[in-house]
Amino acid sequence: MNKGLLQIAEGFAMVAEGYRKMASEGMEIPKDIQTEKKPEKSNTPEKKISITEVRAVMAEKSRAGKTQEIKQLLKEFGADKLSSVPEERYEELMKRAEVL
């Protein structure tokens, strides 16, 4: 067996022995360690993507020679122009456009 794996196994054995000793002595894990802390929710609402931001990404891709891909992407969203795409789909559209 690999020497490194043996060292890891020995380390786990030492940890397990330490837990056994703590349990036999009646020690308990402090409550603040027992429960996982839930991440605090941010009071700031998620930023919505604006049509201007989407337009900027799509214009950049178009200037880079991806005009046909941009047109096809709009068709996939059921639109012939950006203003026809529903606002709630801007984020998805922008993410897909960025990877073109």
Foldseek 3Di string as FASTA:
>chain_A
DDPVVVVVVVVVVVVVVVVVVCVVVVHDDDPVVVDDDDDDDDPDDDDFDDLVNLVVLQVVVVVVVCVVVLCVLCVVQVHRDSVPRDSVCSVVSSVVSNVD
